[in-house]
Protein backbone atom coordinates (compact mmCIF):
# COMPACT_ATOMS: atom_id res chain seq x y z
CA MET A 1 0.27 0.04 -0.09
CA ALA A 2 1.23 3.48 -0.59
CA LYS A 3 1.97 5.79 1.88
CA ILE A 4 1.61 9.54 1.39
CA GLY A 5 2.99 12.26 4.25
CA PHE A 6 1.39 15.37 4.47
CA VAL A 7 2.04 18.53 6.57
CA SER A 8 -0.50 21.46 6.62
CA LEU A 9 0.46 24.61 7.66
CA GLY A 10 -1.27 27.43 7.99
CA CYS A 11 -5.02 28.78 9.01
CA PRO A 12 -8.38 26.92 9.29
CA LYS A 13 -9.08 27.63 5.46
CA ALA A 14 -5.57 25.42 4.49
CA LEU A 15 -6.67 23.11 7.00
CA VAL A 16 -10.11 22.01 5.08
CA ASP A 17 -7.78 22.64 1.99
CA SER A 18 -5.85 19.43 3.29
CA GLU A 19 -9.00 17.27 4.83
CA GLN A 20 -10.09 17.40 0.80
CA ILE A 21 -6.54 16.37 -0.56
CA LEU A 22 -6.45 13.81 1.99
CA SER A 23 -9.67 12.53 1.36
CA ARG A 24 -8.92 12.13 -2.35
CA LEU A 25 -5.98 10.44 -1.37
CA LYS A 26 -7.86 7.71 1.22
CA ALA A 27 -10.20 7.35 -1.49
CA LEU A 28 -7.86 6.44 -4.54
CA GLY A 29 -5.90 3.69 -1.94
CA TYR A 30 -3.14 5.81 -0.46
CA GLU A 31 -2.29 5.39 3.29
CA THR A 32 -0.99 8.32 5.29
CA SER A 33 2.06 8.29 7.18
CA ALA A 34 2.81 9.79 10.36
CA THR A 35 7.01 9.83 9.74
CA TYR A 36 9.17 10.70 6.75
CA GLU A 37 10.82 7.90 6.20
CA GLU A 38 7.64 5.08 6.28
CA ALA A 39 6.42 7.77 3.54
CA GLU A 40 7.00 7.30 -0.06
CA LEU A 41 5.84 10.89 -0.83
CA VAL A 42 5.40 13.65 0.82
CA VAL A 43 3.22 16.72 0.48
CA VAL A 44 3.22 19.95 2.03
CA ASN A 45 0.63 22.09 2.24
CA THR A 46 1.90 25.78 2.47
CA CYS A 47 0.97 28.86 3.63
CA GLY A 48 1.97 32.43 2.14
CA PHE A 49 0.06 35.04 3.92
CA ILE A 50 2.80 37.12 5.82
CA THR A 51 6.91 36.95 5.71
CA PRO A 52 6.95 34.34 8.74
CA ALA A 53 4.54 32.05 7.44
CA ILE A 54 6.77 31.99 4.18
CA GLU A 55 9.49 31.19 5.99
CA GLU A 56 7.70 28.60 7.52
CA SER A 57 6.52 26.91 4.59
CA LEU A 58 9.99 27.14 2.85
CA GLU A 59 11.59 25.29 5.89
CA ALA A 60 9.13 22.73 5.79
CA ILE A 61 8.99 22.00 2.20
CA GLY A 62 13.39 21.62 2.61
CA GLU A 63 12.84 19.27 5.72
CA ALA A 64 10.57 17.06 3.69
CA LEU A 65 13.34 17.21 0.97
CA ARG A 66 16.41 16.52 3.40
CA GLU A 67 14.37 13.76 5.21
CA ASN A 68 12.22 12.06 1.98
CA GLY A 69 13.40 13.49 -1.01
CA LYS A 70 9.43 13.39 -3.00
CA VAL A 71 7.78 16.48 -2.49
CA VAL A 72 4.79 17.78 -3.73
CA VAL A 73 4.28 21.81 -2.59
CA THR A 74 0.73 22.64 -2.38
CA GLY A 75 -1.35 26.36 -1.13
CA CYS A 76 -0.97 29.67 -0.55
CA LEU A 77 2.62 30.16 -1.58
CA GLY A 78 2.51 27.60 -4.27
CA ALA A 79 0.36 30.64 -6.22
CA ARG A 80 4.13 31.82 -6.22
CA PRO A 81 6.47 29.10 -7.55
CA GLU A 82 9.24 30.84 -8.60
CA VAL A 83 9.66 31.67 -4.51
CA ILE A 84 9.68 27.67 -4.08
CA ARG A 85 11.46 26.81 -7.17
CA GLU A 86 14.19 29.30 -6.66
CA ARG A 87 15.21 27.71 -3.15
CA TYR A 88 14.21 24.23 -3.82
CA PRO A 89 14.32 23.47 -7.79
CA ASN A 90 13.88 19.54 -7.59
CA VAL A 91 10.37 19.70 -5.75
CA LEU A 92 7.89 17.16 -7.63
CA GLU A 93 5.41 20.10 -8.80
CA VAL A 94 4.31 23.15 -7.39
CA THR A 95 0.37 23.74 -7.38
CA GLY A 96 -1.49 26.38 -6.17
CA PRO A 97 -4.15 26.60 -3.40
CA GLY A 98 -7.44 24.31 -4.14
CA GLU A 99 -5.55 22.73 -7.07
CA VAL A 100 -6.81 19.51 -5.47
CA GLU A 101 -6.86 17.80 -9.08
CA ARG A 102 -3.17 18.71 -10.05
CA VAL A 103 -1.82 17.24 -6.32
CA LEU A 104 -3.55 14.09 -6.95
CA GLN A 105 -2.05 14.10 -10.24
CA ALA A 106 1.12 14.84 -9.16
CA VAL A 107 1.08 12.14 -6.58
CA GLN A 108 0.05 9.06 -8.94
CA GLU A 109 2.62 10.21 -11.50
CA VAL A 110 5.14 9.26 -8.87
CA LEU A 111 2.79 6.58 -7.27
CA PRO A 112 0.27 4.99 -9.11
CA SER A 113 -2.86 4.87 -7.89
CA PRO A 114 -3.17 1.05 -6.26
CA ARG A 115 -7.20 1.13 -6.71
CA ASN A 116 -9.98 2.21 -8.89
CA PRO A 117 -12.15 4.68 -6.83
CA LEU A 118 -14.68 3.98 -9.21
CA LEU A 119 -14.70 0.38 -6.68
CA ASP A 120 -15.76 3.16 -3.78
CA LEU A 121 -19.76 3.74 -3.42
CA ILE A 122 -18.95 5.99 -0.95
CA PRO A 123 -15.05 7.90 -0.77
CA PRO A 124 -13.93 7.66 3.15
CA GLN A 125 -13.87 11.35 4.59
CA VAL A 126 -10.42 12.65 5.64
CA LYS A 127 -10.74 15.42 9.13
CA LEU A 128 -7.79 16.95 11.04
CA THR A 129 -9.93 18.06 13.71
CA PRO A 130 -10.91 15.69 16.47
CA ARG A 131 -14.17 14.01 15.93
CA HIS A 132 -16.30 16.59 18.08
CA TYR A 133 -15.89 19.73 15.96
CA ALA A 134 -14.88 21.15 12.76
CA TYR A 135 -14.37 23.54 10.28
CA LEU A 136 -16.73 24.04 7.56
CA LYS A 137 -15.64 26.32 4.69
CA LEU A 138 -18.38 28.60 3.07
CA SER A 139 -16.72 30.55 0.47
CA GLU A 140 -13.03 30.41 -1.22
CA GLY A 141 -11.09 33.98 -1.97
CA CYS A 142 -11.74 37.48 -1.64
CA ASP A 143 -13.03 40.90 -3.46
CA HIS A 144 -11.21 42.91 -0.83
CA ARG A 145 -8.33 45.02 -1.84
CA CYS A 146 -6.59 45.52 1.60
CA SER A 147 -3.11 46.77 1.35
CA PHE A 148 -1.23 44.75 3.49
CA CYS A 149 -2.56 41.42 2.07
CA ILE A 150 -2.24 39.44 -0.82
CA ILE A 151 -5.11 37.10 -0.34
CA PRO A 152 -7.28 37.57 -3.46
CA ARG A 153 -3.69 37.10 -5.54
CA LEU A 154 -3.09 33.54 -4.09
CA ARG A 155 -6.77 32.60 -3.89
CA GLY A 156 -8.75 34.41 -6.25
CA GLY A 157 -12.15 36.02 -6.12
CA LEU A 158 -14.82 35.45 -4.05
CA ARG A 159 -16.85 32.12 -4.92
CA SER A 160 -19.05 30.85 -2.84
CA ARG A 161 -21.14 27.31 -2.04
CA ASP A 162 -24.34 26.61 -3.02
CA ALA A 163 -26.60 26.43 0.56
CA GLY A 164 -27.75 23.40 -0.27
CA GLU A 165 -23.99 22.29 -0.45
CA VAL A 166 -22.57 23.88 2.67
CA LEU A 167 -25.97 21.73 4.63
CA ALA A 168 -25.33 18.84 3.20
CA GLU A 169 -21.36 18.92 4.38
CA ALA A 170 -22.99 20.13 7.73
CA ALA A 171 -25.90 17.33 7.90
CA ARG A 172 -23.07 14.50 7.32
CA LEU A 173 -20.63 15.88 9.76
CA VAL A 174 -23.09 16.02 12.96
CA ALA A 175 -24.40 12.75 11.45
CA THR A 176 -20.79 11.40 12.44
CA GLY A 177 -20.27 12.86 16.32
CA THR A 178 -19.68 16.60 15.15
CA ARG A 179 -20.99 18.65 18.05
CA GLU A 180 -19.28 21.82 16.70
CA LEU A 181 -19.61 23.81 13.50
CA LEU A 182 -16.64 26.47 12.71
CA LEU A 183 -18.22 28.30 9.98
CA ILE A 184 -14.53 29.87 7.84
CA ALA A 185 -14.22 31.97 4.63
CA GLN A 186 -12.00 35.10 3.92
CA ASP A 187 -14.93 37.23 4.40
CA LEU A 188 -18.19 35.43 6.30
CA SER A 189 -20.48 38.37 5.72
CA ALA A 190 -19.96 38.42 1.81
CA TYR A 191 -21.19 34.85 1.81
CA GLY A 192 -23.34 34.51 -1.44
CA VAL A 193 -23.00 38.29 -2.71
CA ASP A 194 -21.59 36.57 -6.05
CA LEU A 195 -24.05 33.68 -6.52
CA ARG A 196 -26.51 36.66 -6.26
CA HIS A 197 -27.91 34.91 -2.87
CA ARG A 198 -29.46 32.25 -5.68
CA GLU A 199 -31.43 28.85 -4.05
CA SER A 200 -30.55 25.34 -4.20
CA PHE A 201 -32.22 22.30 -2.71
CA TRP A 202 -31.41 20.77 0.50
CA GLY A 203 -33.48 17.80 0.19
CA ASP A 204 -36.83 19.57 -0.54
CA ARG A 205 -36.34 22.96 0.75
CA LEU A 206 -35.18 25.72 -1.52
CA VAL A 207 -32.28 27.69 0.70
CA LYS A 208 -31.02 30.88 -0.48
CA ALA A 209 -27.00 31.46 -0.16
CA GLU A 210 -27.32 33.99 1.90
CA LEU A 211 -25.38 33.42 5.46
CA LYS A 212 -28.87 34.56 7.57
CA ASP A 213 -31.40 31.73 5.70
CA LEU A 214 -28.36 29.02 5.66
CA LEU A 215 -28.01 29.47 9.36
CA SER A 216 -31.68 29.56 10.34
CA HIS A 217 -31.62 26.10 8.61
CA MET A 218 -28.26 25.00 9.85
CA ALA A 219 -29.30 25.63 13.43
CA GLU A 220 -31.71 22.40 12.93
CA LEU A 221 -28.99 20.03 13.15
CA GLY A 222 -28.44 20.81 16.72
CA ALA A 223 -24.83 21.58 16.75
CA TRP A 224 -23.32 24.47 17.82
CA ILE A 225 -22.50 26.86 15.06
CA ARG A 226 -19.69 29.54 15.54
CA LEU A 227 -18.62 32.30 13.03
CA HIS A 228 -15.30 33.32 11.88
CA TYR A 229 -13.86 36.53 9.99
CA VAL A 230 -16.96 38.35 9.66
CA TYR A 231 -16.69 42.18 8.48
CA PRO A 232 -18.62 44.95 11.03
CA TYR A 233 -21.15 45.03 7.79
CA PRO A 234 -24.85 47.00 8.96
CA HIS A 235 -25.94 43.30 7.69
CA VAL A 236 -24.32 41.32 9.84
CA ARG A 237 -26.94 42.82 12.48
CA GLU A 238 -29.58 40.67 10.75
CA LEU A 239 -27.60 37.82 12.35
CA LEU A 240 -27.95 38.93 16.34
CA PRO A 241 -31.37 37.61 16.71
CA LEU A 242 -30.02 33.82 16.21
CA MET A 243 -27.77 33.89 18.83
CA ALA A 244 -30.37 35.48 21.34
CA GLU A 245 -32.98 32.70 20.09
CA GLY A 246 -29.78 30.27 20.64
CA LYS A 247 -29.54 29.12 17.49
CA VAL A 248 -26.32 30.51 16.69
CA LEU A 249 -23.55 30.99 19.16
CA PRO A 250 -23.23 34.11 20.75
CA TYR A 251 -19.70 34.35 19.09
CA LEU A 252 -18.27 36.99 16.28
CA ASP A 253 -14.79 36.84 14.72
CA VAL A 254 -14.72 40.23 13.49
CA PRO A 255 -10.87 41.44 12.53
CA LEU A 256 -11.03 44.90 13.06
CA GLN A 257 -6.88 45.64 12.35
CA HIS A 258 -6.72 49.03 13.83
CA ALA A 259 -9.01 51.74 15.16
CA SER A 260 -7.52 55.09 13.71
CA GLU A 261 -8.71 56.07 10.89
CA ARG A 262 -6.10 57.21 8.84
CA ILE A 263 -3.87 54.00 9.46
CA LEU A 264 -7.19 52.31 8.65
CA ARG A 265 -7.98 54.19 5.53
CA LEU A 266 -3.92 53.36 4.36
CA MET A 267 -4.66 49.70 5.00
CA ARG A 268 -7.57 50.53 2.79
CA ARG A 269 -10.11 48.83 5.36
CA PRO A 270 -13.75 50.37 6.76
CA GLY A 271 -14.10 51.89 10.18
CA GLY A 272 -12.58 53.31 12.54
CA TYR A 273 -12.90 54.39 16.20
CA GLN A 274 -16.04 55.83 16.44
CA SER A 275 -17.66 53.77 13.78
CA HIS A 276 -16.22 50.59 15.95
CA LEU A 277 -17.74 51.73 19.15
CA LYS A 278 -20.82 52.14 17.50
CA THR A 279 -21.36 48.77 15.74
CA LEU A 280 -20.09 46.80 19.12
CA LYS A 281 -22.92 48.62 21.37
CA ALA A 282 -25.66 48.32 18.68
CA TRP A 283 -24.56 44.59 18.68
CA ARG A 284 -24.43 44.26 22.41
CA GLU A 285 -28.11 46.00 22.78
CA VAL A 286 -29.28 42.72 21.06
CA VAL A 287 -27.15 39.85 22.37
CA PRO A 288 -25.23 41.43 25.46
CA GLU A 289 -23.44 38.24 26.32
CA LEU A 290 -21.98 38.28 23.06
CA ALA A 291 -18.15 37.52 23.12
CA ILE A 292 -16.45 39.31 19.93
CA ARG A 293 -13.00 38.08 19.42
CA SER A 294 -10.62 40.71 16.92
CA SER A 295 -7.71 41.12 15.57
CA PHE A 296 -4.68 44.00 15.24
CA ILE A 297 -1.83 45.28 13.29
CA VAL A 298 0.84 47.28 15.01
CA GLY A 299 3.69 49.04 13.38
CA PHE A 300 1.64 49.38 9.97
CA PRO A 301 3.80 51.83 7.92
CA GLY A 302 3.15 55.54 9.24
CA GLU A 303 1.68 54.30 12.37
CA THR A 304 3.12 57.09 14.90
CA GLU A 305 2.47 57.44 18.88
CA GLU A 306 -0.82 58.88 18.35
CA ASP A 307 -2.09 56.02 16.50
CA PHE A 308 -1.19 53.47 18.50
CA GLN A 309 -2.59 55.81 21.42
CA ILE A 310 -5.80 55.56 19.60
CA LEU A 311 -6.05 52.16 19.18
CA LEU A 312 -4.80 51.22 23.40
CA ASP A 313 -8.01 54.13 24.13
CA PHE A 314 -10.15 52.10 21.53
CA LEU A 315 -9.37 48.72 23.42
CA GLN A 316 -10.29 50.25 26.94
CA GLU A 317 -13.33 51.64 25.95
CA ALA A 318 -14.40 48.34 23.52
CA GLU A 319 -13.38 46.06 26.36
CA LEU A 320 -13.37 42.93 24.21
CA ASP A 321 -13.31 39.74 24.45
CA ARG A 322 -10.41 38.11 23.49
CA VAL A 323 -7.72 40.28 21.00
CA GLY A 324 -4.96 38.58 18.58
CA VAL A 325 -2.32 40.97 17.39
CA PHE A 326 0.67 41.01 14.72
CA THR A 327 3.42 42.79 13.86
CA TYR A 328 3.09 44.48 10.49
CA SER A 329 4.95 42.53 7.81
CA PRO A 330 6.03 43.42 4.42
CA VAL A 331 4.71 40.64 2.50
CA GLU A 332 6.22 40.68 -1.49
CA GLY A 333 3.68 42.23 -3.71
CA ALA A 334 1.63 43.88 -0.76
CA GLU A 335 0.84 47.22 -1.67
CA ALA A 336 1.46 48.42 2.12
CA ASN A 337 5.25 48.09 0.73
CA ALA A 338 5.66 51.22 -0.97
CA LEU A 339 3.86 52.99 2.05
CA SER A 340 6.30 55.89 3.79
CA GLY A 341 7.17 55.78 7.71
CA HIS A 342 8.16 52.23 7.89
CA VAL A 343 8.52 51.18 11.84
CA PRO A 344 11.58 49.71 13.35
CA GLU A 345 11.03 46.38 14.52
CA GLU A 346 12.06 47.01 17.88
CA VAL A 347 9.31 49.87 18.13
CA LYS A 348 6.88 47.44 16.89
CA GLU A 349 7.81 44.83 18.97
CA GLU A 350 7.27 47.10 21.96
CA ARG A 351 3.70 48.18 21.16
CA LYS A 352 2.61 44.87 20.27
CA ALA A 353 3.82 44.05 24.28
CA ARG A 354 2.25 47.37 25.43
CA LEU A 355 -1.10 46.28 23.59
CA MET A 356 -1.06 42.73 25.29
CA GLU A 357 -0.75 44.45 28.61
CA VAL A 358 -3.87 46.28 28.43
CA GLN A 359 -5.64 43.55 26.72
CA ALA A 360 -4.47 41.05 29.62
CA GLU A 361 -6.18 43.40 32.14
CA ILE A 362 -9.55 43.95 30.61
CA SER A 363 -9.75 40.00 29.58
CA LEU A 364 -9.00 39.04 33.58
CA ARG A 365 -11.65 41.48 34.56
CA LYS A 366 -14.15 40.18 31.71
CA ASN A 367 -13.45 36.58 32.92
CA GLN A 368 -13.68 37.37 36.44
CA SER A 369 -17.64 38.70 35.71
CA PHE A 370 -18.56 34.71 34.76
CA VAL A 371 -17.41 33.66 38.70
CA GLY A 372 -20.76 32.44 40.28
CA LYS A 373 -22.54 31.55 36.99
CA THR A 374 -23.18 28.01 35.14
CA LEU A 375 -21.92 28.04 31.80
CA GLU A 376 -22.28 25.25 29.05
CA VAL A 377 -18.70 23.85 28.16
CA LEU A 378 -17.92 21.55 25.55
CA VAL A 379 -15.30 18.64 26.78
CA ASP A 380 -12.60 18.59 24.21
CA GLU A 381 -10.27 16.15 26.83
CA LEU A 382 -10.30 14.15 29.81
CA PRO A 383 -6.16 14.08 30.89
CA GLU A 384 -6.88 12.41 33.98
CA PRO A 385 -9.99 11.09 36.21
CA GLY A 386 -11.63 13.67 37.76
CA LEU A 387 -10.63 16.21 35.09
CA ALA A 388 -12.23 17.52 32.13
CA VAL A 389 -11.23 20.17 30.00
CA GLY A 390 -13.47 22.16 27.66
CA ARG A 391 -15.04 25.36 25.63
CA SER A 392 -17.62 27.48 26.36
CA TYR A 393 -19.57 29.87 23.53
CA ARG A 394 -16.62 31.83 24.48
CA ASP A 395 -13.94 29.73 23.11
CA SER A 396 -13.44 28.93 19.56
CA PRO A 397 -10.90 26.12 19.71
CA GLY A 398 -6.72 26.87 19.58
CA ILE A 399 -7.24 30.60 20.00
CA ASP A 400 -8.90 31.38 22.29
CA GLY A 401 -9.33 30.65 26.35
CA LEU A 402 -10.28 27.34 28.37
CA VAL A 403 -12.63 25.64 30.90
CA TYR A 404 -10.92 23.45 33.33
CA VAL A 405 -13.43 21.24 35.01
CA GLU A 406 -13.58 19.65 38.12
CA THR A 407 -16.23 16.49 37.43
CA ASP A 408 -18.15 13.30 38.76
CA GLY A 409 -16.35 11.34 36.55
CA THR A 410 -19.21 11.24 33.54
CA ALA A 411 -18.26 13.38 31.21
CA ARG A 412 -17.05 12.25 27.68
CA VAL A 413 -15.54 14.46 25.08
CA GLY A 414 -17.42 15.83 22.76
CA GLU A 415 -20.25 16.03 25.00
CA ARG A 416 -21.79 19.63 26.43
CA ILE A 417 -22.14 20.10 30.55
CA PRO A 418 -23.30 22.97 32.63
CA VAL A 419 -20.76 23.94 34.69
CA ARG A 420 -20.50 26.40 37.48
CA ILE A 421 -17.46 28.89 37.10
CA THR A 422 -15.81 29.21 40.48
CA ARG A 423 -12.38 31.08 39.54
CA ALA A 424 -10.79 32.75 36.80
CA ASP A 425 -7.58 33.95 35.54
CA THR A 426 -6.34 36.12 32.63
CA TYR A 427 -7.48 33.85 29.59
CA ASP A 428 -9.27 30.53 31.45
CA LEU A 429 -11.90 29.74 33.16
CA TYR A 430 -12.21 26.74 36.60
CA GLY A 431 -15.07 25.42 37.14
CA VAL A 432 -17.24 22.18 38.95
CA GLN A 433 -19.68 20.31 36.78
CA VAL A 434 -22.99 20.86 37.89
């Protein structure tokens, strides 16, 4: 049986691509190998979003070549094959993001398919996440032209999936044990715009390729639904009643990027200090318990100390639940590289540390407000008898906090249990199973 090694880098969207490639390879009869030594060929799914990610991808390709010798490269960095070929001219093939057929073709040219896929009525589905949660991609590509980003160049323009197709995949996942669906896209709130929100069949129902209609039907499956990468458009408010009714988790991942209007204009991003606050206030009026995650860039070209202070002031007033911060990293091909006033690296790092110090105080205060309350917690693991580790509605896997729970021994992975919170620290909660 031919064995394939696989290295998956990058964001959840890339992880979904990896699952699709591995599922197709498994359907063709290939097995996966956990080591370079046992693999007959290695596929590396790369990230090419920012400079550190590019370097990590190139290092992973180099390691695979050293340890195995036969390497097929795919993913975002694959959209810039010259970067890969310049350093590693002996890779077998370089394909771009989402080019599953080219990956399969490259693999089969070196290792012929072990069996005829036509003999398999139902190709197996490979998941790279635990059984109880899964990332569900609604669209590919992006129509925005942010000055620091080259995603449209790497992955193309917005291409949404029909609602019927998305719901069918969601139903399959839930039927096989998925208890949380994490909906992802480069811009989730733009879902269906390119399709003009056309209708498609899910069973005997017609469902629009429009986020509110899609979520209303998906909620019937009974799984947690979490929304990632939502732009602060006015129509996002239409989703809030679904959260208030318990159909969708009251959680929004909104990458605001900054609060200084001047910097946001340079970034080609919408909003600013006051408009951001106005939007957040309106959302919280409908869903007071709404958990909001955001990410910010510090050290963007032209960012002054005044601009940075505006961002700190915004964070103090906005009191976001979760915050990620990145120092600006120039990416080849991004228009922001041509801007004047590049910020020294040491200043970027100092501003990042100051921002995280401010946010840590906010995070601790927000967490402490849950002491004495009861939260529903999805159990992720059982590290030892009487202890469960899980997440509440406020916590997305891998990026947010955790809830550590003293249990009576009956909790199971993938189960949702009520937990009374007894104490809190900066990022995590602690409690007892009720």
